C-alpha cells in the first residue's frame, strides 16, 4: 500500500510504501525513486524508545536526595551488576543503567554511601519504575528501586544523610 505525504511541508510529494508481506516501510521520492527502507521492528523500536512515559502521580512518601554513590546488585537469575546510584531516600534509590531491568524485578543490593565508601550496606528491593533513555528534564537512564528489605540501622543512616543534604540544598 502506498500513502502520499501531503501534510508535512518538508516531505510533501514523497510516498510511504508499506509492504506487509516483508514487514518493511519504504520512502519513495517525488519521482517514485526508493530513498530508503526500514523494517517494522526498527520503526516499532524507535517509537517505543521516544515515547513519553505516562505521567504518574508522585508516590514517594519518603524524602530523598540527589547523590552519586556506588551500588552492586544481583537479579534472582544470578546476574550481577555494578553501577552508580544517582539518588536515595528512605524508600529506595535510583540506579543508573543503560539497560534497566523490568519493573517488578527483585534485587539483592549493597551500596556504599559517600561518608564511608569502603562499607557496603545490604538491602533488597524491587524495580518500581524505569527511565529507558536520558531525559533532559528528569533522569539519566536507569531504574527506581523501592526497598523491600533494609535494616533499621541502614534506613536511619539514609534518613540522616537525606536530612543533612536537605540542609545544604541538595534535596531532589
N, C-alpha and C. Protein backbone atom coordinates (compact mmCIF):
# COMPACT_ATOMS: atom_id res chain seq x y z
N UNK A 1 0.84 -1.17 0.00
CA UNK A 1 0.00 0.00 0.00
C UNK A 1 0.89 1.25 0.00
N UNK A 2 0.46 2.23 -0.75
CA UNK A 2 1.23 3.47 -0.84
C UNK A 2 0.41 4.60 -0.22
N UNK A 3 1.11 5.43 0.57
CA UNK A 3 0.48 6.57 1.24
C UNK A 3 1.25 7.84 0.89
N UNK A 4 0.62 8.75 0.15
CA UNK A 4 1.31 10.00 -0.21
C UNK A 4 1.44 10.91 1.01
N UNK A 5 2.56 11.60 1.09
CA UNK A 5 2.79 12.57 2.16
C UNK A 5 2.25 13.90 1.65
N UNK A 6 1.24 14.44 2.35
CA UNK A 6 0.65 15.69 1.88
C UNK A 6 0.62 16.77 2.95
N UNK A 7 0.60 16.41 4.21
CA UNK A 7 0.50 17.42 5.28
C UNK A 7 1.86 17.96 5.70
N UNK A 8 2.89 17.14 5.66
CA UNK A 8 4.22 17.56 6.08
C UNK A 8 4.85 18.43 5.00
N UNK A 9 5.10 19.70 5.33
CA UNK A 9 5.66 20.62 4.34
C UNK A 9 7.04 20.18 3.86
N UNK A 10 7.86 19.66 4.78
CA UNK A 10 9.23 19.26 4.42
C UNK A 10 9.25 18.05 3.49
N UNK A 11 8.23 17.22 3.55
CA UNK A 11 8.28 15.96 2.79
C UNK A 11 7.11 15.78 1.83
N UNK A 12 6.36 16.85 1.59
CA UNK A 12 5.22 16.79 0.68
C UNK A 12 5.67 16.27 -0.69
N UNK A 13 4.89 15.35 -1.23
CA UNK A 13 5.21 14.78 -2.54
C UNK A 13 5.89 13.42 -2.45
N UNK A 14 6.48 13.11 -1.31
CA UNK A 14 7.08 11.80 -1.13
C UNK A 14 5.97 10.80 -0.80
N UNK A 15 6.32 9.53 -0.82
CA UNK A 15 5.33 8.47 -0.59
C UNK A 15 5.91 7.44 0.37
N UNK A 16 5.09 7.01 1.32
CA UNK A 16 5.45 5.89 2.18
C UNK A 16 4.79 4.64 1.62
N UNK A 17 5.60 3.63 1.38
CA UNK A 17 5.08 2.37 0.86
C UNK A 17 5.21 1.31 1.95
N UNK A 18 4.09 0.71 2.33
CA UNK A 18 4.08 -0.34 3.34
C UNK A 18 3.99 -1.69 2.66
N UNK A 19 4.92 -2.58 2.98
CA UNK A 19 4.93 -3.94 2.43
C UNK A 19 4.69 -4.90 3.59
N UNK A 20 3.43 -5.33 3.75
CA UNK A 20 3.05 -6.18 4.88
C UNK A 20 3.71 -7.56 4.80
N UNK A 21 3.91 -8.06 3.60
CA UNK A 21 4.50 -9.39 3.45
C UNK A 21 5.95 -9.41 3.94
N UNK A 22 6.70 -8.36 3.65
CA UNK A 22 8.11 -8.28 4.08
C UNK A 22 8.27 -7.51 5.38
N UNK A 23 7.17 -6.91 5.89
CA UNK A 23 7.20 -6.06 7.08
C UNK A 23 8.27 -4.98 6.95
N UNK A 24 8.12 -4.21 5.88
CA UNK A 24 9.05 -3.13 5.58
C UNK A 24 8.26 -1.88 5.24
N UNK A 25 8.84 -0.72 5.54
CA UNK A 25 8.30 0.56 5.09
C UNK A 25 9.40 1.20 4.24
N UNK A 26 9.02 1.68 3.06
CA UNK A 26 9.97 2.28 2.14
C UNK A 26 9.54 3.71 1.85
N UNK A 27 10.50 4.62 1.85
CA UNK A 27 10.23 6.01 1.49
C UNK A 27 10.59 6.19 0.03
N UNK A 28 9.61 6.66 -0.74
CA UNK A 28 9.83 6.92 -2.17
C UNK A 28 9.91 8.42 -2.40
N UNK A 29 10.81 8.84 -3.28
CA UNK A 29 10.98 10.25 -3.59
C UNK A 29 9.85 10.78 -4.45
N UNK A 30 9.92 12.06 -4.76
CA UNK A 30 8.88 12.73 -5.54
C UNK A 30 8.69 12.06 -6.90
N UNK A 31 9.76 11.52 -7.46
CA UNK A 31 9.67 10.85 -8.76
C UNK A 31 9.48 9.35 -8.64
N UNK A 32 9.19 8.86 -7.41
CA UNK A 32 8.94 7.43 -7.20
C UNK A 32 10.17 6.60 -6.94
N UNK A 33 11.34 7.25 -6.87
CA UNK A 33 12.58 6.50 -6.63
C UNK A 33 12.68 6.12 -5.15
N UNK A 34 13.12 4.88 -4.85
CA UNK A 34 13.29 4.47 -3.44
C UNK A 34 14.41 5.27 -2.78
N UNK A 35 14.10 5.86 -1.63
CA UNK A 35 15.10 6.62 -0.87
C UNK A 35 15.71 5.75 0.23
N UNK A 36 14.89 4.92 0.84
CA UNK A 36 15.39 4.04 1.89
C UNK A 36 14.26 3.22 2.48
N UNK A 37 14.64 2.14 3.17
CA UNK A 37 13.67 1.24 3.77
C UNK A 37 14.04 0.94 5.22
N UNK A 38 13.02 0.67 6.01
CA UNK A 38 13.21 0.26 7.40
C UNK A 38 12.30 -0.92 7.70
N UNK A 39 12.81 -1.82 8.53
CA UNK A 39 11.96 -2.94 8.95
C UNK A 39 10.94 -2.44 9.97
N UNK A 40 9.83 -3.14 10.08
CA UNK A 40 8.82 -2.76 11.06
C UNK A 40 9.40 -2.86 12.46
N UNK A 41 10.29 -3.84 12.70
CA UNK A 41 10.92 -3.96 14.02
C UNK A 41 11.64 -2.67 14.39
N UNK A 42 12.40 -2.12 13.43
CA UNK A 42 13.15 -0.90 13.71
C UNK A 42 12.20 0.27 13.98
N UNK A 43 11.16 0.41 13.17
CA UNK A 43 10.20 1.50 13.35
C UNK A 43 9.53 1.39 14.72
N UNK A 44 9.12 0.19 15.09
CA UNK A 44 8.48 -0.03 16.39
C UNK A 44 9.44 0.29 17.53
N UNK A 45 10.70 -0.18 17.42
CA UNK A 45 11.70 0.11 18.45
C UNK A 45 11.91 1.62 18.61
N UNK A 46 11.93 2.35 17.50
CA UNK A 46 12.12 3.80 17.57
C UNK A 46 10.94 4.48 18.24
N UNK A 47 9.74 4.05 17.92
CA UNK A 47 8.55 4.63 18.55
C UNK A 47 8.59 4.38 20.05
N UNK A 48 8.92 3.16 20.44
CA UNK A 48 8.96 2.83 21.87
C UNK A 48 10.08 3.57 22.59
N UNK A 49 11.20 3.79 21.91
CA UNK A 49 12.33 4.49 22.55
C UNK A 49 12.03 5.97 22.79
N UNK A 50 11.21 6.57 21.94
CA UNK A 50 10.97 8.00 22.05
C UNK A 50 9.61 8.37 22.63
N UNK A 51 8.84 7.38 23.00
CA UNK A 51 7.53 7.71 23.58
C UNK A 51 7.72 8.31 24.97
N UNK A 52 6.83 9.16 25.33
CA UNK A 52 6.86 9.77 26.65
C UNK A 52 6.14 8.84 27.61
N UNK A 53 6.81 8.42 28.69
CA UNK A 53 6.12 7.58 29.65
C UNK A 53 4.95 8.35 30.26
N UNK A 54 3.89 7.64 30.62
CA UNK A 54 2.75 8.35 31.21
C UNK A 54 3.17 9.05 32.50
N UNK A 55 2.66 10.25 32.68
CA UNK A 55 2.97 11.00 33.88
C UNK A 55 2.24 10.34 35.04
N UNK A 56 3.01 9.99 36.05
CA UNK A 56 2.42 9.32 37.20
C UNK A 56 2.39 10.27 38.38
N UNK A 57 1.38 10.07 39.19
CA UNK A 57 1.28 10.84 40.42
C UNK A 57 2.46 10.47 41.32
N UNK A 58 3.00 11.45 42.00
CA UNK A 58 4.12 11.22 42.92
C UNK A 58 3.68 10.21 43.98
N UNK A 59 4.41 9.09 44.08
CA UNK A 59 4.04 8.06 45.04
C UNK A 59 5.06 7.94 46.18
N UNK A 60 6.10 8.74 46.15
CA UNK A 60 7.09 8.66 47.22
C UNK A 60 6.52 9.26 48.49
N UNK A 61 6.75 8.56 49.58
CA UNK A 61 6.30 9.07 50.87
C UNK A 61 7.50 9.44 51.74
N UNK A 62 8.70 9.23 51.20
CA UNK A 62 9.92 9.48 51.95
C UNK A 62 10.72 10.60 51.28
N UNK A 63 11.39 11.43 52.06
CA UNK A 63 12.27 12.44 51.45
C UNK A 63 13.46 11.74 50.78
N UNK A 64 14.05 12.41 49.80
CA UNK A 64 15.17 11.83 49.07
C UNK A 64 16.18 12.93 48.73
N UNK A 65 17.33 12.48 48.26
CA UNK A 65 18.41 13.42 47.93
C UNK A 65 19.12 12.93 46.67
N UNK A 66 19.54 13.85 45.81
CA UNK A 66 20.38 13.51 44.66
C UNK A 66 21.79 13.35 45.19
N UNK A 67 22.37 12.20 44.90
CA UNK A 67 23.68 11.87 45.45
C UNK A 67 24.26 10.75 44.62
N UNK A 68 25.51 10.84 44.23
CA UNK A 68 26.16 9.78 43.47
C UNK A 68 26.94 8.87 44.41
N UNK A 69 26.70 7.57 44.29
CA UNK A 69 27.43 6.57 45.08
C UNK A 69 27.37 5.23 44.36
N UNK A 70 28.20 4.30 44.80
CA UNK A 70 28.29 3.00 44.14
C UNK A 70 27.22 2.05 44.65
N UNK A 71 26.77 1.18 43.74
CA UNK A 71 25.79 0.16 44.11
C UNK A 71 26.10 -1.11 43.31
N UNK A 72 25.97 -2.25 43.98
CA UNK A 72 26.10 -3.56 43.33
C UNK A 72 24.78 -4.28 43.54
N UNK A 73 24.33 -5.01 42.53
CA UNK A 73 23.06 -5.69 42.68
C UNK A 73 23.03 -7.00 41.89
N UNK A 74 22.22 -7.94 42.38
CA UNK A 74 22.04 -9.24 41.76
C UNK A 74 20.57 -9.46 41.48
N UNK A 75 20.28 -10.08 40.32
CA UNK A 75 18.90 -10.45 40.00
C UNK A 75 18.64 -11.86 40.54
N UNK A 76 17.37 -12.27 40.62
CA UNK A 76 17.08 -13.63 41.07
C UNK A 76 17.72 -14.71 40.17
N UNK A 77 17.97 -14.36 38.89
CA UNK A 77 18.60 -15.31 37.97
C UNK A 77 20.11 -15.39 38.15
N UNK A 78 20.66 -14.59 39.03
CA UNK A 78 22.09 -14.64 39.31
C UNK A 78 22.92 -13.64 38.54
N UNK A 79 22.31 -12.77 37.74
CA UNK A 79 23.08 -11.75 37.05
C UNK A 79 23.59 -10.75 38.08
N UNK A 80 24.86 -10.37 37.96
CA UNK A 80 25.46 -9.42 38.91
C UNK A 80 25.87 -8.17 38.14
N UNK A 81 25.53 -7.02 38.71
CA UNK A 81 25.84 -5.73 38.09
C UNK A 81 26.49 -4.81 39.12
N UNK A 82 27.29 -3.89 38.62
CA UNK A 82 27.82 -2.82 39.45
C UNK A 82 27.55 -1.53 38.70
N UNK A 83 27.08 -0.52 39.43
CA UNK A 83 26.69 0.72 38.76
C UNK A 83 26.85 1.88 39.73
N UNK A 84 26.29 3.00 39.31
CA UNK A 84 26.26 4.20 40.13
C UNK A 84 24.81 4.50 40.44
N UNK A 85 24.56 4.86 41.67
CA UNK A 85 23.22 5.32 42.05
C UNK A 85 23.24 6.84 41.97
N UNK A 86 22.10 7.40 41.59
CA UNK A 86 22.03 8.85 41.42
C UNK A 86 21.18 9.54 42.46
N UNK A 87 20.61 8.78 43.38
CA UNK A 87 19.79 9.37 44.41
C UNK A 87 19.31 8.31 45.38
N UNK A 88 18.93 8.75 46.58
CA UNK A 88 18.49 7.81 47.60
C UNK A 88 17.53 8.51 48.55
N UNK A 89 16.68 7.73 49.16
CA UNK A 89 15.75 8.21 50.18
C UNK A 89 15.38 7.04 51.07
N UNK A 90 14.55 7.29 52.04
CA UNK A 90 14.16 6.23 52.96
C UNK A 90 13.40 5.11 52.28
N UNK A 91 12.80 5.38 51.12
CA UNK A 91 12.00 4.37 50.44
C UNK A 91 12.72 3.62 49.34
N UNK A 92 13.88 4.10 48.89
CA UNK A 92 14.59 3.41 47.82
C UNK A 92 15.68 4.26 47.21
N UNK A 93 16.14 3.84 46.03
CA UNK A 93 17.22 4.54 45.36
C UNK A 93 17.05 4.46 43.85
N UNK A 94 17.80 5.29 43.14
CA UNK A 94 17.78 5.29 41.68
C UNK A 94 19.11 4.76 41.19
N UNK A 95 19.08 3.68 40.38
CA UNK A 95 20.29 3.08 39.83
C UNK A 95 20.41 3.49 38.37
N UNK A 96 21.52 4.11 38.02
CA UNK A 96 21.77 4.49 36.63
C UNK A 96 22.14 3.25 35.83
N UNK A 97 21.53 3.08 34.66
CA UNK A 97 21.79 1.91 33.83
C UNK A 97 21.35 2.18 32.40
N UNK A 98 22.18 1.82 31.44
CA UNK A 98 21.80 1.93 30.03
C UNK A 98 20.82 0.82 29.65
N UNK A 99 20.76 -0.24 30.47
CA UNK A 99 19.85 -1.37 30.23
C UNK A 99 19.07 -1.67 31.50
N UNK A 100 18.13 -0.80 31.87
CA UNK A 100 17.40 -1.03 33.11
C UNK A 100 16.60 -2.33 33.06
N UNK A 101 16.43 -2.93 34.21
CA UNK A 101 15.69 -4.17 34.33
C UNK A 101 14.19 -3.89 34.29
N UNK A 102 13.41 -4.92 34.14
CA UNK A 102 11.96 -4.76 34.05
C UNK A 102 11.35 -4.38 35.39
N UNK A 103 10.27 -3.60 35.34
CA UNK A 103 9.53 -3.27 36.55
C UNK A 103 9.08 -4.57 37.19
N UNK A 104 9.24 -4.66 38.50
CA UNK A 104 8.87 -5.86 39.24
C UNK A 104 10.03 -6.79 39.52
N UNK A 105 11.20 -6.56 38.89
CA UNK A 105 12.37 -7.40 39.12
C UNK A 105 12.86 -7.22 40.56
N UNK A 106 13.08 -8.32 41.25
CA UNK A 106 13.57 -8.28 42.63
C UNK A 106 15.09 -8.27 42.60
N UNK A 107 15.67 -7.45 43.47
CA UNK A 107 17.13 -7.30 43.52
C UNK A 107 17.65 -7.49 44.93
N UNK A 108 18.81 -8.12 45.03
CA UNK A 108 19.60 -8.09 46.26
C UNK A 108 20.69 -7.08 45.99
N UNK A 109 20.84 -6.09 46.87
CA UNK A 109 21.76 -4.98 46.60
C UNK A 109 22.71 -4.77 47.78
N UNK A 110 23.75 -4.05 47.48
CA UNK A 110 24.59 -3.45 48.51
C UNK A 110 25.12 -2.16 47.93
N UNK A 111 25.21 -1.15 48.79
CA UNK A 111 25.66 0.16 48.32
C UNK A 111 26.56 0.77 49.36
N UNK A 112 27.41 1.70 48.88
CA UNK A 112 28.34 2.38 49.79
C UNK A 112 28.03 3.87 49.74
N UNK A 113 27.79 4.43 50.89
CA UNK A 113 27.48 5.86 50.97
C UNK A 113 28.78 6.65 51.00
N UNK A 114 28.77 7.88 50.51
CA UNK A 114 29.99 8.68 50.42
C UNK A 114 30.70 8.90 51.76
N UNK A 115 29.97 8.89 52.85
CA UNK A 115 30.59 9.11 54.16
C UNK A 115 31.56 8.00 54.54
N UNK A 116 31.36 6.79 53.99
CA UNK A 116 32.25 5.66 54.25
C UNK A 116 32.23 4.74 53.03
N UNK A 117 32.97 5.07 51.95
CA UNK A 117 32.87 4.34 50.69
C UNK A 117 33.37 2.90 50.73
N UNK A 118 34.06 2.50 51.78
CA UNK A 118 34.52 1.10 51.86
C UNK A 118 33.52 0.20 52.57
N UNK A 119 32.49 0.79 53.17
CA UNK A 119 31.48 0.00 53.87
C UNK A 119 30.29 -0.24 52.94
N UNK A 120 29.93 -1.50 52.76
CA UNK A 120 28.81 -1.87 51.89
C UNK A 120 27.60 -2.21 52.74
N UNK A 121 26.49 -1.52 52.48
CA UNK A 121 25.25 -1.71 53.23
C UNK A 121 24.29 -2.57 52.42
N UNK A 122 23.81 -3.68 52.98
CA UNK A 122 22.93 -4.57 52.24
C UNK A 122 21.47 -4.11 52.27
N UNK A 123 20.74 -4.45 51.22
CA UNK A 123 19.31 -4.18 51.16
C UNK A 123 18.72 -5.04 50.05
N UNK A 124 17.41 -5.18 50.06
CA UNK A 124 16.70 -5.84 48.97
C UNK A 124 15.68 -4.84 48.43
N UNK A 125 15.37 -4.97 47.15
CA UNK A 125 14.44 -4.04 46.55
C UNK A 125 13.74 -4.62 45.34
N UNK A 126 12.80 -3.85 44.83
CA UNK A 126 12.02 -4.22 43.65
C UNK A 126 12.04 -3.02 42.69
N UNK A 127 12.32 -3.29 41.41
CA UNK A 127 12.30 -2.22 40.41
C UNK A 127 10.87 -1.68 40.33
N UNK A 128 10.70 -0.41 40.69
CA UNK A 128 9.37 0.21 40.75
C UNK A 128 9.04 0.98 39.47
N UNK A 129 10.05 1.54 38.81
CA UNK A 129 9.84 2.29 37.57
C UNK A 129 11.14 2.35 36.81
N UNK A 130 11.02 2.64 35.51
CA UNK A 130 12.19 2.63 34.63
C UNK A 130 12.21 3.89 33.79
N UNK A 131 13.39 4.45 33.61
CA UNK A 131 13.62 5.55 32.68
C UNK A 131 14.53 4.99 31.59
N UNK A 132 13.97 4.58 30.42
CA UNK A 132 14.77 3.87 29.42
C UNK A 132 15.82 4.70 28.70
N UNK A 133 15.63 6.02 28.67
CA UNK A 133 16.62 6.86 27.99
C UNK A 133 16.78 8.17 28.75
N UNK A 134 17.89 8.80 28.51
CA UNK A 134 18.18 10.06 29.18
C UNK A 134 17.13 11.10 28.81
N UNK A 135 16.72 11.87 29.79
CA UNK A 135 15.71 12.91 29.58
C UNK A 135 16.25 14.18 30.22
N UNK A 136 16.34 15.26 29.46
CA UNK A 136 16.95 16.49 29.96
C UNK A 136 16.22 17.08 31.15
N UNK A 137 14.96 16.69 31.35
CA UNK A 137 14.19 17.27 32.44
C UNK A 137 14.11 16.39 33.67
N UNK A 138 14.49 15.11 33.55
CA UNK A 138 14.31 14.22 34.69
C UNK A 138 15.60 13.52 35.07
N UNK A 139 15.84 12.35 34.51
CA UNK A 139 16.91 11.48 34.99
C UNK A 139 17.81 10.99 33.88
N UNK A 140 18.89 10.35 34.31
CA UNK A 140 19.70 9.55 33.41
C UNK A 140 18.92 8.26 33.18
N UNK A 141 19.30 7.48 32.16
CA UNK A 141 18.63 6.19 32.02
C UNK A 141 18.88 5.35 33.27
N UNK A 142 17.89 4.59 33.66
CA UNK A 142 18.06 3.74 34.83
C UNK A 142 16.73 3.29 35.39
N UNK A 143 16.76 2.97 36.70
CA UNK A 143 15.56 2.42 37.32
C UNK A 143 15.44 2.86 38.77
N UNK A 144 14.23 3.14 39.16
CA UNK A 144 13.92 3.44 40.55
C UNK A 144 13.64 2.14 41.28
N UNK A 145 14.35 1.92 42.36
CA UNK A 145 14.20 0.67 43.13
C UNK A 145 13.62 1.00 44.50
N UNK A 146 12.50 0.39 44.82
CA UNK A 146 11.86 0.57 46.12
C UNK A 146 12.41 -0.50 47.07
N UNK A 147 12.85 -0.07 48.25
CA UNK A 147 13.35 -1.03 49.23
C UNK A 147 12.24 -1.98 49.65
N UNK A 148 12.54 -3.27 49.70
CA UNK A 148 11.61 -4.25 50.25
C UNK A 148 12.14 -4.77 51.58
N UNK A 149 13.46 -4.74 51.73
CA UNK A 149 14.09 -5.11 53.00
C UNK A 149 15.32 -4.23 53.21
N UNK A 150 15.35 -3.56 54.34
CA UNK A 150 16.50 -2.75 54.72
C UNK A 150 16.52 -2.73 56.25
N UNK A 151 17.70 -2.87 56.84
CA UNK A 151 17.76 -2.88 58.30
C UNK A 151 17.39 -1.51 58.85
N UNK A 152 16.85 -1.47 60.04
CA UNK A 152 16.53 -0.17 60.65
C UNK A 152 17.76 0.73 60.76
N UNK A 153 18.92 0.15 61.02
CA UNK A 153 20.15 0.94 61.15
C UNK A 153 20.52 1.60 59.80
N UNK A 154 20.43 0.81 58.73
CA UNK A 154 20.73 1.36 57.41
C UNK A 154 19.72 2.44 57.03
N UNK A 155 18.45 2.17 57.28
CA UNK A 155 17.42 3.17 56.97
C UNK A 155 17.66 4.46 57.76
N UNK A 156 18.04 4.35 59.04
CA UNK A 156 18.32 5.53 59.85
C UNK A 156 19.50 6.31 59.26
N UNK A 157 20.52 5.61 58.78
CA UNK A 157 21.68 6.30 58.18
C UNK A 157 21.28 7.02 56.91
N UNK A 158 20.42 6.38 56.11
CA UNK A 158 19.94 7.02 54.88
C UNK A 158 19.15 8.28 55.23
N UNK A 159 18.23 8.18 56.18
CA UNK A 159 17.41 9.33 56.56
C UNK A 159 18.26 10.47 57.13
N UNK A 160 19.29 10.13 57.88
CA UNK A 160 20.19 11.15 58.42
C UNK A 160 20.95 11.84 57.28
N UNK A 161 21.39 11.04 56.31
CA UNK A 161 22.10 11.59 55.16
C UNK A 161 21.18 12.52 54.36
N UNK A 162 19.93 12.10 54.14
CA UNK A 162 18.96 12.92 53.42
C UNK A 162 18.71 14.21 54.18
N UNK A 163 18.53 14.10 55.48
CA UNK A 163 18.27 15.28 56.31
C UNK A 163 19.44 16.27 56.23
N UNK A 164 20.66 15.76 56.33
CA UNK A 164 21.82 16.66 56.27
C UNK A 164 21.98 17.25 54.89
N UNK A 165 21.64 16.51 53.83
CA UNK A 165 21.72 17.02 52.47
C UNK A 165 20.68 18.07 52.18
N UNK A 166 19.50 17.93 52.75
CA UNK A 166 18.45 18.93 52.55
C UNK A 166 18.85 20.25 53.14
N UNK A 167 19.61 20.21 54.21
CA UNK A 167 20.08 21.44 54.83
C UNK A 167 21.07 22.20 53.97
N UNK A 168 21.70 21.47 53.02
CA UNK A 168 22.68 22.12 52.14
C UNK A 168 22.12 22.39 50.76
N UNK A 169 20.80 22.13 50.57
CA UNK A 169 20.17 22.40 49.29
C UNK A 169 20.35 21.34 48.25
N UNK A 170 20.71 20.11 48.67
CA UNK A 170 20.91 19.04 47.70
C UNK A 170 19.69 18.17 47.52
N UNK A 171 18.60 18.47 48.16
CA UNK A 171 17.41 17.60 48.07
C UNK A 171 16.92 17.53 46.64
N UNK A 172 16.43 16.35 46.30
CA UNK A 172 15.91 16.16 44.94
C UNK A 172 14.41 16.12 44.96
